[in-house]
Protein backbone atom coordinates (compact mmCIF):
# COMPACT_ATOMS: atom_id res chain seq x y z
CA MET A 1 -108.27 -48.28 -88.83
CA GLY A 2 -108.65 -45.69 -91.61
CA ASN A 3 -106.43 -45.27 -94.65
CA GLN A 4 -104.49 -42.43 -93.02
CA GLN A 5 -103.80 -44.51 -89.92
CA VAL A 6 -102.67 -47.44 -92.08
CA LYS A 7 -100.25 -45.12 -93.91
CA SER A 8 -99.01 -43.74 -90.58
CA ALA A 9 -98.51 -47.25 -89.20
CA LEU A 10 -96.53 -48.27 -92.31
CA LEU A 11 -94.30 -45.19 -91.94
CA LEU A 12 -93.62 -46.12 -88.31
CA VAL A 13 -92.83 -49.72 -89.30
CA LEU A 14 -90.38 -48.35 -91.88
CA THR A 15 -88.85 -46.17 -89.15
CA ALA A 16 -88.42 -49.22 -86.89
CA VAL A 17 -86.74 -51.10 -89.75
CA ILE A 18 -84.36 -48.19 -90.41
CA TRP A 19 -83.45 -47.98 -86.71
CA GLY A 20 -83.05 -51.75 -86.37
CA ILE A 21 -80.68 -51.95 -89.34
CA ALA A 22 -78.74 -49.00 -87.92
CA PHE A 23 -77.31 -51.37 -85.29
CA VAL A 24 -75.66 -53.29 -88.14
CA ALA A 25 -74.25 -50.04 -89.55
CA GLN A 26 -72.88 -49.12 -86.12
CA SER A 27 -71.26 -52.52 -85.75
CA ALA A 28 -69.76 -52.39 -89.26
CA GLY A 29 -68.45 -48.87 -88.71
CA MET A 30 -66.42 -50.01 -85.72
CA ASN A 31 -64.26 -52.09 -88.09
CA TYR A 32 -62.76 -48.86 -89.41
CA VAL A 33 -63.10 -46.02 -86.88
CA GLY A 34 -63.37 -45.57 -83.11
CA PRO A 35 -66.69 -45.02 -81.31
CA PHE A 36 -66.17 -41.29 -80.74
CA THR A 37 -65.22 -40.71 -84.39
CA PHE A 38 -68.27 -42.63 -85.58
CA ASN A 39 -70.67 -40.77 -83.28
CA ALA A 40 -69.15 -37.37 -84.00
CA LEU A 41 -69.65 -37.80 -87.74
CA ARG A 42 -73.07 -39.45 -87.61
CA SER A 43 -74.42 -36.79 -85.23
CA ILE A 44 -73.20 -33.91 -87.38
CA ILE A 45 -74.72 -35.57 -90.47
CA GLY A 46 -77.99 -36.09 -88.57
CA GLY A 47 -78.13 -32.40 -87.70
CA ILE A 48 -77.37 -31.35 -91.28
CA VAL A 49 -80.12 -33.60 -92.66
CA LEU A 50 -82.70 -31.91 -90.41
CA LEU A 51 -81.76 -28.40 -91.57
CA PRO A 52 -83.78 -28.58 -94.85
CA LEU A 53 -86.83 -29.79 -92.90
CA ILE A 54 -86.52 -26.84 -90.48
CA PHE A 55 -86.09 -24.46 -93.43
CA PHE A 56 -89.20 -25.89 -95.11
CA MET A 57 -91.27 -25.56 -91.93
CA ARG A 58 -90.00 -22.02 -91.43
CA LYS A 59 -91.02 -21.16 -94.98
CA GLN A 60 -94.51 -22.55 -94.36
CA GLU A 61 -94.84 -20.48 -91.19
CA LYS A 62 -93.85 -17.32 -93.05
CA SER A 63 -96.32 -18.07 -95.83
CA GLY A 64 -99.09 -17.62 -93.28
CA LYS A 65 -100.35 -21.20 -93.32
CA ASP A 66 -99.93 -21.43 -89.56
CA GLN A 67 -101.28 -18.31 -87.91
CA ASN A 68 -100.77 -19.68 -84.38
CA VAL A 69 -96.99 -19.92 -84.50
CA SER A 70 -95.49 -18.31 -81.40
CA LYS A 71 -93.18 -15.37 -81.80
CA ASP A 72 -89.47 -16.05 -81.78
CA THR A 73 -88.54 -14.25 -78.57
CA ALA A 74 -85.26 -14.24 -76.65
CA ALA A 75 -86.90 -16.35 -73.92
CA SER A 76 -88.11 -18.99 -76.40
CA ARG A 77 -84.66 -19.11 -78.01
CA ASN A 78 -83.06 -19.64 -74.59
CA VAL A 79 -85.44 -22.53 -73.83
CA LEU A 80 -84.71 -24.06 -77.25
CA LEU A 81 -80.95 -23.73 -76.77
CA THR A 82 -81.03 -25.04 -73.19
CA GLY A 83 -83.18 -28.00 -74.18
CA GLY A 84 -80.99 -28.80 -77.18
CA ILE A 85 -77.79 -28.67 -75.12
CA CYS A 86 -79.19 -30.84 -72.30
CA CYS A 87 -80.55 -33.39 -74.78
CA GLY A 88 -77.29 -33.32 -76.74
CA ILE A 89 -75.24 -34.10 -73.62
CA CYS A 90 -77.49 -37.06 -72.77
CA LEU A 91 -77.44 -38.26 -76.37
CA CYS A 92 -73.65 -37.99 -76.51
CA ILE A 93 -73.21 -40.12 -73.39
CA ALA A 94 -75.83 -42.71 -74.39
CA GLY A 95 -74.71 -42.90 -78.02
CA ASN A 96 -71.04 -43.37 -77.24
CA LEU A 97 -71.73 -45.98 -74.55
CA GLN A 98 -73.88 -47.83 -77.07
CA GLN A 99 -71.21 -47.59 -79.75
CA ILE A 100 -68.51 -48.93 -77.42
CA GLY A 101 -70.84 -51.72 -76.27
CA ILE A 102 -71.72 -52.80 -79.82
CA SER A 103 -68.05 -53.53 -80.49
CA HIS A 104 -68.13 -56.14 -77.68
CA THR A 105 -71.55 -57.75 -78.16
CA THR A 106 -73.91 -58.83 -80.95
CA VAL A 107 -76.22 -56.49 -82.84
CA GLY A 108 -79.32 -58.37 -81.62
CA LYS A 109 -78.36 -58.13 -77.97
CA ALA A 110 -77.53 -54.45 -78.32
CA GLY A 111 -80.93 -53.77 -79.90
CA PHE A 112 -82.91 -55.43 -77.15
CA ILE A 113 -80.85 -54.07 -74.26
CA THR A 114 -81.07 -50.53 -75.68
CA ALA A 115 -84.86 -50.93 -75.90
CA MET A 116 -84.84 -51.31 -72.11
CA TYR A 117 -85.10 -47.50 -71.97
CA ILE A 118 -88.83 -47.92 -72.63
CA VAL A 119 -89.10 -49.90 -69.38
CA LEU A 120 -86.72 -47.63 -67.46
CA VAL A 121 -88.51 -44.36 -68.29
CA PRO A 122 -91.58 -45.00 -66.09
CA VAL A 123 -89.35 -46.43 -63.34
CA LEU A 124 -87.18 -43.31 -63.30
CA GLY A 125 -90.41 -41.31 -63.25
CA ILE A 126 -90.68 -42.29 -59.57
CA PHE A 127 -88.07 -39.63 -58.80
CA LEU A 128 -90.32 -37.11 -60.56
CA LYS A 129 -93.25 -38.20 -58.36
CA LYS A 130 -94.89 -40.16 -61.19
CA ARG A 131 -96.01 -43.52 -59.86
CA PRO A 132 -95.82 -46.35 -62.41
CA GLY A 133 -98.70 -48.82 -62.62
CA MET A 134 -98.64 -52.51 -61.77
CA LEU A 135 -98.02 -53.50 -65.40
CA VAL A 136 -94.80 -51.49 -65.38
CA TRP A 137 -93.47 -53.42 -62.39
CA ILE A 138 -94.42 -56.69 -64.10
CA SER A 139 -92.57 -55.50 -67.19
CA VAL A 140 -89.50 -54.76 -65.05
CA LEU A 141 -89.52 -58.33 -63.73
CA LEU A 142 -89.93 -59.70 -67.26
CA ALA A 143 -87.11 -57.50 -68.51
CA MET A 144 -84.80 -58.67 -65.73
CA GLY A 145 -85.59 -62.29 -66.58
CA GLY A 146 -85.01 -61.61 -70.26
CA LEU A 147 -81.76 -59.81 -69.50
CA TYR A 148 -80.56 -62.80 -67.47
CA LEU A 149 -81.28 -65.25 -70.31
CA LEU A 150 -79.90 -62.93 -72.97
CA CYS A 151 -76.72 -61.65 -71.36
CA LEU A 152 -75.72 -63.17 -68.04
CA THR A 153 -73.19 -66.00 -67.98
CA GLU A 154 -73.21 -69.01 -65.68
CA THR A 155 -71.09 -66.97 -63.25
CA PHE A 156 -73.92 -64.39 -63.13
CA ALA A 157 -71.76 -61.69 -64.71
CA LEU A 158 -72.70 -59.30 -67.49
CA GLY A 159 -70.43 -59.23 -70.50
CA LYS A 160 -68.39 -56.08 -71.10
CA GLY A 161 -70.37 -55.00 -74.14
CA ASP A 162 -73.74 -55.80 -72.56
CA THR A 163 -72.83 -53.70 -69.51
CA TYR A 164 -72.00 -50.67 -71.68
CA VAL A 165 -75.28 -51.01 -73.61
CA LEU A 166 -77.29 -51.44 -70.39
CA ILE A 167 -75.83 -48.19 -68.99
CA CYS A 168 -76.54 -46.64 -72.39
CA ALA A 169 -80.22 -47.63 -72.02
CA LEU A 170 -80.29 -45.84 -68.66
CA PHE A 171 -78.99 -42.64 -70.26
CA PHE A 172 -81.46 -42.96 -73.14
CA ALA A 173 -84.19 -43.12 -70.48
CA VAL A 174 -82.81 -39.92 -68.91
CA HIS A 175 -82.70 -38.44 -72.42
CA ILE A 176 -86.42 -39.19 -72.87
CA LEU A 177 -87.26 -37.53 -69.54
CA VAL A 178 -85.24 -34.44 -70.45
CA ILE A 179 -87.14 -34.23 -73.75
CA ASP A 180 -90.37 -34.77 -71.82
CA HIS A 181 -89.58 -31.59 -69.88
CA PHE A 182 -88.55 -29.38 -72.81
CA SER A 183 -90.69 -30.62 -75.73
CA PRO A 184 -93.92 -28.85 -74.63
CA LEU A 185 -91.96 -25.59 -74.31
CA THR A 186 -90.25 -25.42 -77.70
CA ASP A 187 -90.04 -26.78 -81.26
CA GLY A 188 -89.15 -30.47 -81.17
CA ILE A 189 -87.48 -30.65 -84.58
CA LYS A 190 -85.27 -27.62 -83.94
CA MET A 191 -84.34 -29.01 -80.52
CA SER A 192 -83.46 -32.36 -82.08
CA CYS A 193 -81.28 -30.63 -84.66
CA ILE A 194 -79.42 -28.74 -81.91
CA GLN A 195 -78.95 -31.92 -79.88
CA PHE A 196 -77.33 -33.65 -82.86
CA PHE A 197 -74.83 -30.84 -83.30
CA VAL A 198 -74.10 -30.71 -79.55
CA SER A 199 -73.59 -34.47 -79.45
CA GLY A 200 -71.40 -34.27 -82.55
CA ILE A 201 -69.20 -31.50 -81.12
CA LEU A 202 -68.77 -33.25 -77.76
CA SER A 203 -68.03 -36.57 -79.45
CA GLY A 204 -65.56 -34.75 -81.70
CA ILE A 205 -63.71 -33.41 -78.65
CA LEU A 206 -63.54 -36.94 -77.19
CA MET A 207 -62.38 -38.19 -80.60
CA LEU A 208 -59.45 -35.77 -80.63
CA ILE A 209 -58.49 -36.70 -77.04
CA PHE A 210 -58.79 -40.50 -77.16
CA GLU A 211 -58.57 -41.45 -80.82
CA LYS A 212 -56.41 -40.76 -83.85
CA PRO A 213 -58.82 -40.66 -86.78
CA ASP A 214 -57.42 -40.61 -90.29
CA LEU A 215 -59.16 -39.74 -93.53
CA SER A 216 -58.62 -43.17 -95.13
CA SER A 217 -60.38 -44.95 -92.24
CA ILE A 218 -63.26 -42.47 -92.30
CA LEU A 219 -63.67 -42.91 -96.06
CA ALA A 220 -63.64 -46.69 -95.61
CA ALA A 221 -66.51 -46.35 -93.12
CA TRP A 222 -68.48 -43.81 -95.15
CA LEU A 223 -71.47 -46.08 -95.82
CA PRO A 224 -72.16 -47.08 -92.16
CA ILE A 225 -71.58 -43.48 -91.03
CA VAL A 226 -73.90 -42.00 -93.67
CA TYR A 227 -76.58 -44.60 -92.97
CA ALA A 228 -76.46 -44.03 -89.20
CA GLY A 229 -76.38 -40.26 -89.60
CA ALA A 230 -78.60 -39.51 -92.58
CA PHE A 231 -81.06 -42.42 -92.45
CA SER A 232 -81.24 -43.49 -88.79
CA SER A 233 -81.09 -39.97 -87.35
CA GLY A 234 -82.33 -37.63 -90.09
CA VAL A 235 -84.73 -39.64 -92.25
CA GLY A 236 -85.86 -41.91 -89.40
CA TYR A 237 -86.71 -38.97 -87.18
CA THR A 238 -88.61 -37.20 -89.98
CA LEU A 239 -90.63 -40.33 -90.84
CA GLN A 240 -91.48 -40.72 -87.18
CA ILE A 241 -92.73 -37.14 -86.94
CA ILE A 242 -94.98 -37.68 -89.97
CA GLY A 243 -96.09 -41.15 -88.90
CA GLN A 244 -97.09 -40.17 -85.39
CA LYS A 245 -99.52 -37.51 -86.60
CA GLY A 246 -103.02 -38.78 -85.90
CA MET A 247 -101.66 -42.02 -84.43
CA ASP A 248 -102.29 -43.04 -80.83
CA PRO A 249 -98.93 -42.59 -79.02
CA THR A 250 -99.26 -46.00 -77.33
CA VAL A 251 -99.72 -47.77 -80.67
CA ALA A 252 -96.90 -45.68 -82.18
CA SER A 253 -94.45 -46.60 -79.42
CA LEU A 254 -95.33 -50.28 -79.73
CA ILE A 255 -94.70 -50.23 -83.47
CA LEU A 256 -91.39 -48.39 -82.99
CA SER A 257 -90.27 -50.96 -80.41
CA LEU A 258 -90.09 -53.45 -83.29
CA GLU A 259 -86.62 -52.01 -83.94
CA SER A 260 -85.29 -54.46 -81.34
CA VAL A 261 -86.71 -57.39 -83.31
CA VAL A 262 -85.36 -55.96 -86.58
CA SER A 263 -81.89 -55.62 -85.01
CA VAL A 264 -81.82 -59.38 -84.30
CA LEU A 265 -82.98 -60.24 -87.83
CA ALA A 266 -80.56 -57.75 -89.40
CA GLY A 267 -77.64 -59.08 -87.35
CA TRP A 268 -78.51 -62.62 -88.39
CA ILE A 269 -79.02 -61.88 -92.10
CA LEU A 270 -76.30 -59.27 -92.70
CA LEU A 271 -73.63 -60.23 -90.13
CA ASN A 272 -74.45 -63.92 -89.56
CA GLN A 273 -74.75 -63.24 -85.81
CA LYS A 274 -76.93 -66.05 -84.48
CA LEU A 275 -78.53 -66.27 -81.03
CA SER A 276 -78.93 -69.45 -79.02
CA GLY A 277 -82.32 -70.77 -77.92
CA ARG A 278 -81.77 -69.32 -74.45
CA GLU A 279 -80.87 -65.91 -75.87
CA LEU A 280 -83.93 -65.93 -78.15
CA LEU A 281 -86.15 -66.71 -75.14
CA GLY A 282 -84.55 -63.76 -73.40
CA CYS A 283 -85.43 -61.59 -76.40
CA VAL A 284 -89.04 -62.76 -76.22
CA LEU A 285 -89.27 -61.90 -72.51
CA MET A 286 -87.70 -58.48 -73.04
CA PHE A 287 -90.00 -57.71 -75.97
CA GLY A 288 -92.96 -58.69 -73.78
CA ALA A 289 -91.66 -56.32 -71.12
CA ILE A 290 -91.38 -53.50 -73.67
CA ILE A 291 -94.99 -54.03 -74.75
CA LEU A 292 -96.30 -54.20 -71.17
CA ALA A 293 -94.50 -50.99 -70.26
CA GLN A 294 -96.43 -49.19 -73.01
CA LEU A 295 -99.90 -50.62 -72.39
CA PRO A 296 -101.09 -48.00 -69.85
CA LYS A 297 -102.51 -44.97 -71.61
CA PRO A 298 -99.59 -42.50 -71.75
CA GLU A 299 -99.93 -38.83 -71.04
CA ARG A 300 -99.63 -36.39 -73.92
CA LYS A 301 -96.14 -35.35 -72.81
CA LYS A 302 -94.94 -38.92 -72.98
CA GLY A 303 -96.15 -39.17 -76.56
CA GLU A 304 -94.22 -36.02 -77.42
CA ALA A 305 -91.15 -37.32 -75.68
CA LEU A 306 -91.15 -40.50 -77.71
CA SER A 307 -91.36 -38.47 -80.91
CA CYS A 308 -87.93 -37.01 -80.20
CA ARG A 309 -86.15 -40.30 -79.68
CA SER A 310 -82.97 -40.15 -81.67
CA GLU A 311 -80.45 -42.88 -82.51
């Protein structure tokens, strides 16, 4: 592994750490504001943080450094807008389900259950006539075993929070597939910026309908909101874009999946949320499933899709 690849790997590890700690920020934010308020604000902040990056890239394009940039036509703008809106809707649903679930479960559990989207993506690909390999089916069995040890009670019932986060993982998987369709057709960073604003606006509408946010509560939650919006969404996404350049997408996705492990450690260190031996074994099985699901050589589109993962 060359120096550049080592630097890229370290950037991806840093991204995984940022995303893993974000689960703590999300949990802490729920002590002050409702889930829709939190997601509305963090999404808007995430979109705003990406604007300077888009401006910088636009400036580089105009300077003539990239002579192969496609012309900004009405058709390309429509594809960009359509992709951003579709991704934003999926992100809004997944993000709010996750936020609601985190208020009823531990940060570690939420991190590992959310990471199930990596296993669910190839399974959902069946409906798009993409047959998953044998390792994917083995990973599904491992994930189910891990989910049982991590979440299911003796009465074989999922907890309320775990159920919300599991459905959230399903929508994150759909989100990845939507990105997989649009990312080869348009600019990924611009589409991500649009999706943040769409998610923020939709969450804001839900906030006004179901919640009664007040300025004092929002100010009390400013640190978790800013971290989740600026660092997890904006900075994390940018670091991922830089880190994945020249890095094998399989290796990149494996490194990024460490966020689930970081979420457990962060919950333990920062929130004193400890897991039992059975729950830790469940985490091990689910992490093994995540790794197995990524072992087959992914197609180029899948690598692009993973680069747009937003939390």
